C-alpha atoms as a PDB file:
ATOM      1  CA  MET A   1       4.938  52.085 171.590  1.00  0.00           C
ATOM      2  CA  ASP A   2       2.139  49.650 172.388  1.00  0.00           C
ATOM      3  CA  SER A   3       3.258  47.902 175.590  1.00  0.00           C
ATOM      4  CA  ASN A   4       1.853  44.677 174.153  1.00  0.00           C
ATOM      5  CA  LYS A   5       4.282  45.006 171.202  1.00  0.00           C
ATOM      6  CA  ILE A   6       7.412  45.432 173.288  1.00  0.00           C
ATOM      7  CA  PHE A   7       9.478  43.410 170.782  1.00  0.00           C
ATOM      8  CA  SER A   8       8.313  45.335 167.715  1.00  0.00           C
ATOM      9  CA  GLY A   9      11.260  45.894 165.366  1.00  0.00           C
ATOM     10  CA  LYS A  10      13.253  43.142 167.098  1.00  0.00           C
ATOM     11  CA  THR A  11      14.218  39.686 165.855  1.00  0.00           C
ATOM     12  CA  ALA A  12      14.387  36.621 168.082  1.00  0.00           C
ATOM     13  CA  TRP A  13      15.951  33.278 167.123  1.00  0.00           C
ATOM     14  CA  ILE A  14      14.483  30.390 169.115  1.00  0.00           C
ATOM     15  CA  THR A  15      15.747  26.792 169.029  1.00  0.00           C
ATOM     16  CA  GLY A  16      13.666  23.859 170.220  1.00  0.00           C
ATOM     17  CA  ALA A  17      10.793  25.801 168.681  1.00  0.00           C
ATOM     18  CA  SER A  18       8.654  22.885 167.457  1.00  0.00           C
ATOM     19  CA  SER A  19       7.351  21.890 170.910  1.00  0.00           C
ATOM     20  CA  GLY A  20       7.270  22.619 174.639  1.00  0.00           C
ATOM     21  CA  ILE A  21       8.831  25.771 176.047  1.00  0.00           C
ATOM     22  CA  GLY A  22      10.360  26.710 172.688  1.00  0.00           C
ATOM     23  CA  GLU A  23       6.986  26.623 170.950  1.00  0.00           C
ATOM     24  CA  ALA A  24       5.390  28.646 173.750  1.00  0.00           C
ATOM     25  CA  LEU A  25       8.155  31.248 173.435  1.00  0.00           C
ATOM     26  CA  VAL A  26       7.535  31.537 169.693  1.00  0.00           C
ATOM     27  CA  HIS A  27       3.940  32.546 170.433  1.00  0.00           C
ATOM     28  CA  ALA A  28       4.960  34.848 173.292  1.00  0.00           C
ATOM     29  CA  PHE A  29       7.519  36.765 171.209  1.00  0.00           C
ATOM     30  CA  HIS A  30       5.271  36.809 168.138  1.00  0.00           C
ATOM     31  CA  GLU A  31       2.345  38.243 170.091  1.00  0.00           C
ATOM     32  CA  LYS A  32       4.657  40.978 171.383  1.00  0.00           C
ATOM     33  CA  GLY A  33       5.661  42.051 167.887  1.00  0.00           C
ATOM     34  CA  ALA A  34       8.955  40.241 167.226  1.00  0.00           C
ATOM     35  CA  SER A  35      10.107  38.840 163.919  1.00  0.00           C
ATOM     36  CA  LEU A  36      11.268  35.276 164.410  1.00  0.00           C
ATOM     37  CA  ILE A  37      13.734  32.677 163.233  1.00  0.00           C
ATOM     38  CA  ILE A  38      12.634  29.305 164.562  1.00  0.00           C
ATOM     39  CA  SER A  39      14.695  26.128 164.661  1.00  0.00           C
ATOM     40  CA  SER A  40      14.524  22.485 165.666  1.00  0.00           C
ATOM     41  CA  ASN A  41      15.337  19.163 164.019  1.00  0.00           C
ATOM     42  CA  HIS A  42      11.631  18.670 163.237  1.00  0.00           C
ATOM     43  CA  ALA A  43      10.817  20.674 160.088  1.00  0.00           C
ATOM     44  CA  ALA A  44       7.148  19.634 159.989  1.00  0.00           C
ATOM     45  CA  GLY A  45       6.762  20.756 163.604  1.00  0.00           C
ATOM     46  CA  LEU A  46       8.169  24.168 162.729  1.00  0.00           C
ATOM     47  CA  GLU A  47       5.684  24.474 159.866  1.00  0.00           C
ATOM     48  CA  ARG A  48       2.853  23.677 162.270  1.00  0.00           C
ATOM     49  CA  VAL A  49       4.031  26.300 164.760  1.00  0.00           C
ATOM     50  CA  LYS A  50       4.335  28.938 162.041  1.00  0.00           C
ATOM     51  CA  LYS A  51       0.828  28.218 160.746  1.00  0.00           C
ATOM     52  CA  ALA A  52      -0.526  28.641 164.282  1.00  0.00           C
ATOM     53  CA  CYS A  53       0.868  32.199 164.278  1.00  0.00           C
ATOM     54  CA  LYS A  54      -1.775  33.503 161.884  1.00  0.00           C
ATOM     55  CA  ASN A  55      -0.958  37.205 162.139  1.00  0.00           C
ATOM     56  CA  ARG A  56       2.307  38.332 160.501  1.00  0.00           C
ATOM     57  CA  SER A  57       3.390  34.760 159.753  1.00  0.00           C
ATOM     58  CA  SER A  58       5.501  36.237 156.930  1.00  0.00           C
ATOM     59  CA  ASP A  59       7.802  37.536 159.695  1.00  0.00           C
ATOM     60  CA  ILE A  60       8.573  33.982 160.816  1.00  0.00           C
ATOM     61  CA  PHE A  61      11.489  32.246 159.099  1.00  0.00           C
ATOM     62  CA  LEU A  62      12.125  28.514 159.420  1.00  0.00           C
ATOM     63  CA  ALA A  63      15.709  27.395 160.018  1.00  0.00           C
ATOM     64  CA  PRO A  64      15.612  23.655 160.751  1.00  0.00           C
ATOM     65  CA  PHE A  65      18.857  22.048 161.878  1.00  0.00           C
ATOM     66  CA  ASP A  66      20.089  19.376 164.249  1.00  0.00           C
ATOM     67  CA  LEU A  67      22.014  20.542 167.315  1.00  0.00           C
ATOM     68  CA  SER A  68      24.177  17.414 167.059  1.00  0.00           C
ATOM     69  CA  ASP A  69      25.421  18.475 163.598  1.00  0.00           C
ATOM     70  CA  THR A  70      26.442  22.115 163.370  1.00  0.00           C
ATOM     71  CA  ALA A  71      28.962  21.920 160.528  1.00  0.00           C
ATOM     72  CA  GLY A  72      26.944  24.375 158.423  1.00  0.00           C
ATOM     73  CA  ILE A  73      25.939  26.698 161.254  1.00  0.00           C
ATOM     74  CA  ASP A  74      27.799  29.788 159.978  1.00  0.00           C
ATOM     75  CA  SER A  75      26.063  29.587 156.597  1.00  0.00           C
ATOM     76  CA  LEU A  76      22.714  29.062 158.330  1.00  0.00           C
ATOM     77  CA  VAL A  77      23.204  32.183 160.440  1.00  0.00           C
ATOM     78  CA  GLU A  78      24.404  34.290 157.510  1.00  0.00           C
ATOM     79  CA  ASN A  79      21.492  33.222 155.290  1.00  0.00           C
ATOM     80  CA  ASN A  80      18.936  34.070 157.947  1.00  0.00           C
ATOM     81  CA  LEU A  81      20.517  37.414 158.705  1.00  0.00           C
ATOM     82  CA  LYS A  82      20.007  38.308 155.046  1.00  0.00           C
ATOM     83  CA  LYS A  83      16.278  37.889 155.701  1.00  0.00           C
ATOM     84  CA  THR A  84      16.021  39.673 159.049  1.00  0.00           C
ATOM     85  CA  GLY A  85      18.945  42.115 159.051  1.00  0.00           C
ATOM     86  CA  ARG A  86      19.672  41.556 162.740  1.00  0.00           C
ATOM     87  CA  ILE A  87      19.243  39.204 165.695  1.00  0.00           C
ATOM     88  CA  ASP A  88      18.352  40.862 168.973  1.00  0.00           C
ATOM     89  CA  TYR A  89      17.523  37.781 171.022  1.00  0.00           C
ATOM     90  CA  LEU A  90      18.937  34.278 170.769  1.00  0.00           C
ATOM     91  CA  LEU A  91      17.065  31.772 172.918  1.00  0.00           C
ATOM     92  CA  ASN A  92      18.805  28.392 173.046  1.00  0.00           C
ATOM     93  CA  ILE A  93      15.919  26.179 174.180  1.00  0.00           C
ATOM     94  CA  GLY A  94      16.578  22.925 172.319  1.00  0.00           C
ATOM     95  CA  GLY A  95      18.188  19.990 174.095  1.00  0.00           C
ATOM     96  CA  VAL A  96      17.832  16.390 175.225  1.00  0.00           C
ATOM     97  CA  SER A  97      17.553  14.718 178.631  1.00  0.00           C
ATOM     98  CA  GLN A  98      18.692  11.335 179.915  1.00  0.00           C
ATOM     99  CA  ARG A  99      17.402   8.373 181.912  1.00  0.00           C
ATOM    100  CA  ALA A 100      20.410   6.126 182.518  1.00  0.00           C
ATOM    101  CA  SER A 101      22.780   5.521 185.412  1.00  0.00           C
ATOM    102  CA  VAL A 102      26.483   6.327 185.181  1.00  0.00           C
ATOM    103  CA  THR A 103      27.470   2.649 184.986  1.00  0.00           C
ATOM    104  CA  GLU A 104      25.058   1.844 182.164  1.00  0.00           C
ATOM    105  CA  THR A 105      25.740   4.972 180.076  1.00  0.00           C
ATOM    106  CA  PRO A 106      28.298   4.254 177.329  1.00  0.00           C
ATOM    107  CA  LEU A 107      30.791   7.003 176.590  1.00  0.00           C
ATOM    108  CA  TRP A 108      29.368   7.584 173.112  1.00  0.00           C
ATOM    109  CA  LEU A 109      26.061   8.497 174.749  1.00  0.00           C
ATOM    110  CA  ASP A 110      27.752  10.971 177.103  1.00  0.00           C
ATOM    111  CA  ARG A 111      29.327  12.561 174.032  1.00  0.00           C
ATOM    112  CA  LYS A 112      26.019  12.648 172.154  1.00  0.00           C
ATOM    113  CA  ILE A 113      24.240  14.425 175.018  1.00  0.00           C
ATOM    114  CA  PHE A 114      27.064  16.958 175.288  1.00  0.00           C
ATOM    115  CA  GLU A 115      27.074  17.444 171.518  1.00  0.00           C
ATOM    116  CA  ILE A 116      23.403  18.458 171.610  1.00  0.00           C
ATOM    117  CA  ASN A 117      23.103  20.304 174.925  1.00  0.00           C
ATOM    118  CA  TYR A 118      26.485  22.017 175.120  1.00  0.00           C
ATOM    119  CA  PHE A 119      28.355  22.073 171.806  1.00  0.00           C
ATOM    120  CA  GLY A 120      25.227  22.596 169.706  1.00  0.00           C
ATOM    121  CA  THR A 121      24.202  25.519 171.888  1.00  0.00           C
ATOM    122  CA  ILE A 122      27.587  27.227 171.929  1.00  0.00           C
ATOM    123  CA  ALA A 123      28.101  26.637 168.189  1.00  0.00           C
ATOM    124  CA  LEU A 124      25.012  28.684 167.350  1.00  0.00           C
ATOM    125  CA  THR A 125      25.904  31.233 170.022  1.00  0.00           C
ATOM    126  CA  LYS A 126      29.453  31.691 168.707  1.00  0.00           C
ATOM    127  CA  SER A 127      28.133  32.147 165.186  1.00  0.00           C
ATOM    128  CA  VAL A 128      25.544  34.755 166.196  1.00  0.00           C
ATOM    129  CA  LEU A 129      27.710  36.623 168.710  1.00  0.00           C
ATOM    130  CA  PRO A 130      29.947  38.530 166.230  1.00  0.00           C
ATOM    131  CA  TRP A 131      26.843  39.974 164.560  1.00  0.00           C
ATOM    132  CA  MET A 132      25.513  41.138 167.927  1.00  0.00           C
ATOM    133  CA  ILE A 133      28.877  42.705 168.727  1.00  0.00           C
ATOM    134  CA  ARG A 134      28.760  44.618 165.437  1.00  0.00           C
ATOM    135  CA  GLN A 135      25.287  45.949 166.183  1.00  0.00           C
ATOM    136  CA  LYS A 136      26.417  46.739 169.765  1.00  0.00           C
ATOM    137  CA  SER A 137      23.455  44.977 171.356  1.00  0.00           C
ATOM    138  CA  GLY A 138      21.983  41.558 171.947  1.00  0.00           C
ATOM    139  CA  HIS A 139      20.632  39.168 174.533  1.00  0.00           C
ATOM    140  CA  ILE A 140      21.510  35.473 174.535  1.00  0.00           C
ATOM    141  CA  ALA A 141      19.725  32.939 176.723  1.00  0.00           C
ATOM    142  CA  ALA A 142      20.532  29.280 177.296  1.00  0.00           C
ATOM    143  CA  THR A 143      18.403  26.625 178.925  1.00  0.00           C
ATOM    144  CA  SER A 144      19.908  24.816 181.889  1.00  0.00           C
ATOM    145  CA  SER A 145      17.866  22.917 184.492  1.00  0.00           C
ATOM    146  CA  ILE A 146      17.634  22.668 188.247  1.00  0.00           C
ATOM    147  CA  SER A 147      19.799  19.566 187.770  1.00  0.00           C
ATOM    148  CA  GLY A 148      22.220  21.900 186.000  1.00  0.00           C
ATOM    149  CA  ARG A 149      23.006  23.173 189.489  1.00  0.00           C
ATOM    150  CA  PHE A 150      23.535  19.792 191.170  1.00  0.00           C
ATOM    151  CA  GLY A 151      23.763  16.090 190.402  1.00  0.00           C
ATOM    152  CA  PHE A 152      20.611  14.015 190.038  1.00  0.00           C
ATOM    153  CA  PRO A 153      20.055  10.251 189.632  1.00  0.00           C
ATOM    154  CA  LEU A 154      19.946   8.972 186.023  1.00  0.00           C
ATOM    155  CA  ARG A 155      20.987  12.379 184.661  1.00  0.00           C
ATOM    156  CA  SER A 156      24.821  12.315 184.847  1.00  0.00           C
ATOM    157  CA  ALA A 157      25.592  13.524 181.300  1.00  0.00           C
ATOM    158  CA  TYR A 158      22.507  15.750 181.177  1.00  0.00           C
ATOM    159  CA  SER A 159      23.380  17.401 184.490  1.00  0.00           C
ATOM    160  CA  ALA A 160      27.029  17.850 183.493  1.00  0.00           C
ATOM    161  CA  SER A 161      26.171  19.326 180.084  1.00  0.00           C
ATOM    162  CA  LYS A 162      23.804  21.820 181.665  1.00  0.00           C
ATOM    163  CA  GLN A 163      26.294  22.776 184.380  1.00  0.00           C
ATOM    164  CA  ALA A 164      28.839  23.492 181.644  1.00  0.00           C
ATOM    165  CA  LEU A 165      26.495  26.068 180.112  1.00  0.00           C
ATOM    166  CA  HIS A 166      26.593  28.163 183.296  1.00  0.00           C
ATOM    167  CA  GLY A 167      30.361  28.572 183.074  1.00  0.00           C
ATOM    168  CA  PHE A 168      30.286  29.379 179.366  1.00  0.00           C
ATOM    169  CA  PHE A 169      27.523  31.992 179.489  1.00  0.00           C
ATOM    170  CA  GLU A 170      28.779  33.696 182.634  1.00  0.00           C
ATOM    171  CA  THR A 171      32.152  34.060 180.916  1.00  0.00           C
ATOM    172  CA  LEU A 172      30.541  35.289 177.693  1.00  0.00           C
ATOM    173  CA  TYR A 173      28.717  37.997 179.638  1.00  0.00           C
ATOM    174  CA  LEU A 174      31.817  39.153 181.506  1.00  0.00           C
ATOM    175  CA  GLU A 175      33.810  39.359 178.275  1.00  0.00           C
ATOM    176  CA  ASN A 176      31.101  41.207 176.340  1.00  0.00           C
ATOM    177  CA  LYS A 177      29.442  43.504 178.847  1.00  0.00           C
ATOM    178  CA  ALA A 178      31.192  46.426 177.171  1.00  0.00           C
ATOM    179  CA  ASN A 179      29.631  45.348 173.861  1.00  0.00           C
ATOM    180  CA  ASN A 180      26.158  45.648 175.408  1.00  0.00           C
ATOM    181  CA  ILE A 181      25.620  41.870 175.189  1.00  0.00           C
ATOM    182  CA  ARG A 182      23.464  40.398 177.929  1.00  0.00           C
ATOM    183  CA  THR A 183      23.054  36.764 178.865  1.00  0.00           C
ATOM    184  CA  SER A 184      20.507  34.785 180.832  1.00  0.00           C
ATOM    185  CA  VAL A 185      20.570  31.161 181.934  1.00  0.00           C
ATOM    186  CA  ILE A 186      17.076  29.694 182.160  1.00  0.00           C
ATOM    187  CA  ILE A 187      16.660  27.171 184.982  1.00  0.00           C
ATOM    188  CA  PRO A 188      13.447  25.180 184.583  1.00  0.00           C
ATOM    189  CA  GLY A 189      12.125  22.884 187.255  1.00  0.00           C
ATOM    190  CA  ARG A 190       8.993  20.930 186.453  1.00  0.00           C
ATOM    191  CA  VAL A 191       7.346  22.027 183.217  1.00  0.00           C
ATOM    192  CA  ARG A 192       4.786  19.883 181.387  1.00  0.00           C
ATOM    193  CA  THR A 193       6.726  19.218 178.192  1.00  0.00           C
ATOM    194  CA  ASN A 194       7.733  16.022 176.402  1.00  0.00           C
ATOM    195  CA  ILE A 195      11.360  16.182 177.536  1.00  0.00           C
ATOM    196  CA  SER A 196      11.103  13.013 179.643  1.00  0.00           C
ATOM    197  CA  LEU A 197       9.384  11.166 176.787  1.00  0.00           C
ATOM    198  CA  HIS A 198      12.301  11.958 174.482  1.00  0.00           C
ATOM    199  CA  ALA A 199      15.025  11.464 177.125  1.00  0.00           C
ATOM    200  CA  LEU A 200      17.687   8.946 176.083  1.00  0.00           C
ATOM    201  CA  ASP A 201      17.940   5.533 177.738  1.00  0.00           C
ATOM    202  CA  PRO A 202      21.177   3.482 178.048  1.00  0.00           C
ATOM    203  CA  GLU A 203      20.894   2.450 174.385  1.00  0.00           C
ATOM    204  CA  GLY A 204      20.300   5.981 173.160  1.00  0.00           C
ATOM    205  CA  LYS A 205      16.622   5.265 172.505  1.00  0.00           C
ATOM    206  CA  GLU A 206      13.718   7.389 173.734  1.00  0.00           C
ATOM    207  CA  HIS A 207      12.631   6.806 177.323  1.00  0.00           C
ATOM    208  CA  GLY A 208       9.004   7.060 176.226  1.00  0.00           C
ATOM    209  CA  ARG A 209       7.465   7.821 179.622  1.00  0.00           C
ATOM    210  CA  MET A 210       6.325  11.023 181.291  1.00  0.00           C
ATOM    211  CA  ASP A 211       7.912  11.587 184.700  1.00  0.00           C
ATOM    212  CA  GLU A 212       5.298  11.754 187.460  1.00  0.00           C
ATOM    213  CA  GLY A 213       6.627  15.006 188.893  1.00  0.00           C
ATOM    214  CA  GLN A 214       6.899  16.635 185.495  1.00  0.00           C
ATOM    215  CA  ALA A 215       3.298  15.795 184.667  1.00  0.00           C
ATOM    216  CA  LYS A 216       2.315  17.989 187.631  1.00  0.00           C
ATOM    217  CA  GLY A 217       4.499  20.908 186.547  1.00  0.00           C
ATOM    218  CA  ILE A 218       3.567  24.309 185.184  1.00  0.00           C
ATOM    219  CA  THR A 219       2.472  24.702 181.566  1.00  0.00           C
ATOM    220  CA  PRO A 220       4.914  25.692 178.806  1.00  0.00           C
ATOM    221  CA  GLU A 221       2.883  28.879 178.378  1.00  0.00           C
ATOM    222  CA  LYS A 222       3.433  29.841 182.016  1.00  0.00           C
ATOM    223  CA  ALA A 223       7.122  29.009 181.627  1.00  0.00           C
ATOM    224  CA  ALA A 224       7.351  31.267 178.560  1.00  0.00           C
ATOM    225  CA  GLU A 225       5.670  34.099 180.468  1.00  0.00           C
ATOM    226  CA  ILE A 226       8.255  33.814 183.261  1.00  0.00           C
ATOM    227  CA  ILE A 227      11.135  33.670 180.771  1.00  0.00           C
ATOM    228  CA  VAL A 228       9.987  36.736 178.824  1.00  0.00           C
ATOM    229  CA  LYS A 229       9.667  38.734 182.054  1.00  0.00           C
ATOM    230  CA  GLY A 230      13.131  37.602 183.133  1.00  0.00           C
ATOM    231  CA  ILE A 231      14.691  38.601 179.815  1.00  0.00           C
ATOM    232  CA  LEU A 232      13.032  42.024 179.886  1.00  0.00           C
ATOM    233  CA  ARG A 233      14.463  42.506 183.395  1.00  0.00           C
ATOM    234  CA  ASN A 234      17.927  41.350 182.227  1.00  0.00           C
ATOM    235  CA  LYS A 235      18.027  38.641 184.874  1.00  0.00           C
ATOM    236  CA  ARG A 236      21.226  36.578 184.819  1.00  0.00           C
ATOM    237  CA  GLU A 237      19.353  33.479 185.988  1.00  0.00           C
ATOM    238  CA  ILE A 238      15.660  32.901 185.332  1.00  0.00           C
ATOM    239  CA  LEU A 239      14.043  30.358 187.640  1.00  0.00           C
ATOM    240  CA  VAL A 240      11.066  28.620 186.057  1.00  0.00           C
ATOM    241  CA  GLY A 241       8.767  26.317 187.984  1.00  0.00           C
ATOM    242  CA  GLY A 242       7.005  25.872 191.299  1.00  0.00           C
ATOM    243  CA  SER A 243       7.844  24.764 194.823  1.00  0.00           C
ATOM    244  CA  GLU A 244      10.495  22.322 193.552  1.00  0.00           C
ATOM    245  CA  LEU A 245      12.825  25.298 192.980  1.00  0.00           C
ATOM    246  CA  ILE A 246      13.418  25.521 196.728  1.00  0.00           C
ATOM    247  CA  VAL A 247      15.956  22.722 196.340  1.00  0.00           C
ATOM    248  CA  LEU A 248      18.293  25.246 194.671  1.00  0.00           C
ATOM    249  CA  TYR A 249      18.449  27.240 197.895  1.00  0.00           C
ATOM    250  CA  VAL A 250      18.786  24.095 199.980  1.00  0.00           C
ATOM    251  CA  ARG A 251      21.786  23.031 197.877  1.00  0.00           C
ATOM    252  CA  ARG A 252      23.395  26.466 198.161  1.00  0.00           C
ATOM    253  CA  TYR A 253      22.924  27.139 201.863  1.00  0.00           C
ATOM    254  CA  TRP A 254      22.520  23.686 203.427  1.00  0.00           C
ATOM    255  CA  PRO A 255      24.450  21.208 201.270  1.00  0.00           C
ATOM    256  CA  TRP A 256      24.357  18.566 204.005  1.00  0.00           C
ATOM    257  CA  LEU A 257      20.551  18.680 203.916  1.00  0.00           C
ATOM    258  CA  PHE A 258      20.522  18.494 200.129  1.00  0.00           C
ATOM    259  CA  PHE A 259      22.510  15.259 200.142  1.00  0.00           C
ATOM    260  CA  ARG A 260      20.293  13.801 202.834  1.00  0.00           C
ATOM    261  CA  ILE A 261      17.277  14.595 200.674  1.00  0.00           C
ATOM    262  CA  GLY A 262      19.090  13.344 197.586  1.00  0.00           C
ATOM    263  CA  ASP A 263      19.525   9.921 199.135  1.00  0.00           C
ATOM    264  CA  LYS A 264      15.742   9.599 199.125  1.00  0.00           C
ATOM    265  CA  ILE A 265      15.108  10.827 195.570  1.00  0.00           C
ATOM    266  CA  LYS A 266      13.435   8.232 193.392  1.00  0.00           C
ATOM    267  CA  SER A 267      15.568   7.346 190.401  1.00  0.00           C
ATOM    268  CA  THR A 268      12.905   8.122 187.780  1.00  0.00           C
END
């Protein structure tokens, strides 16, 4: 097999596929031979991404849906499996961030962020999982964050929703190792996407500003390259970013130092 077509004969389902890391992963998997199901809540964006994949675009199927409303998820999965026959990789990339303190975040907004980041992700995962078990293979990835490993100012619900994913996907792996199901949790640091622009403020409206640190992050294409390598190596956790990732080790081995540093973090 051509090493550049490592995913030939495989199907990958990617959420958050109309922009950022999700869009970059669509191109990465497509270039390596995969058939694709691509999802987001932005149908026109998905059309644009598909058109950009000029070769074998007939192997790309659009499945737009909103992670905050997964009532019809089982039908969506079944209909797309009729087109592809199987799903080998499920990459849960879609999600939403936050820019609001604990005291100014209403409970309905906490619930909304969890509905998208946690419940939306596990709803699609739970619907796809039985099919992977039947085919005795599959790899499911979910996107966390470095703030999915610790608290961070103005990210209370975001951080909590991402931390919840770690517990769910570690459990899923332990329960399904015998079924040849693998899982990876993707932990991005600073990546130059629009996530801060679309982050939710205390009123649930878009933040509308690019974070200074994020603007200096790695490109989505570089992030996709790291993620693909991590998946091929069956890594349980895939760290994506630059020098900012060192804070993960600081938090693990020197928690007292982490909190001293945390006191000085700008709340932006």
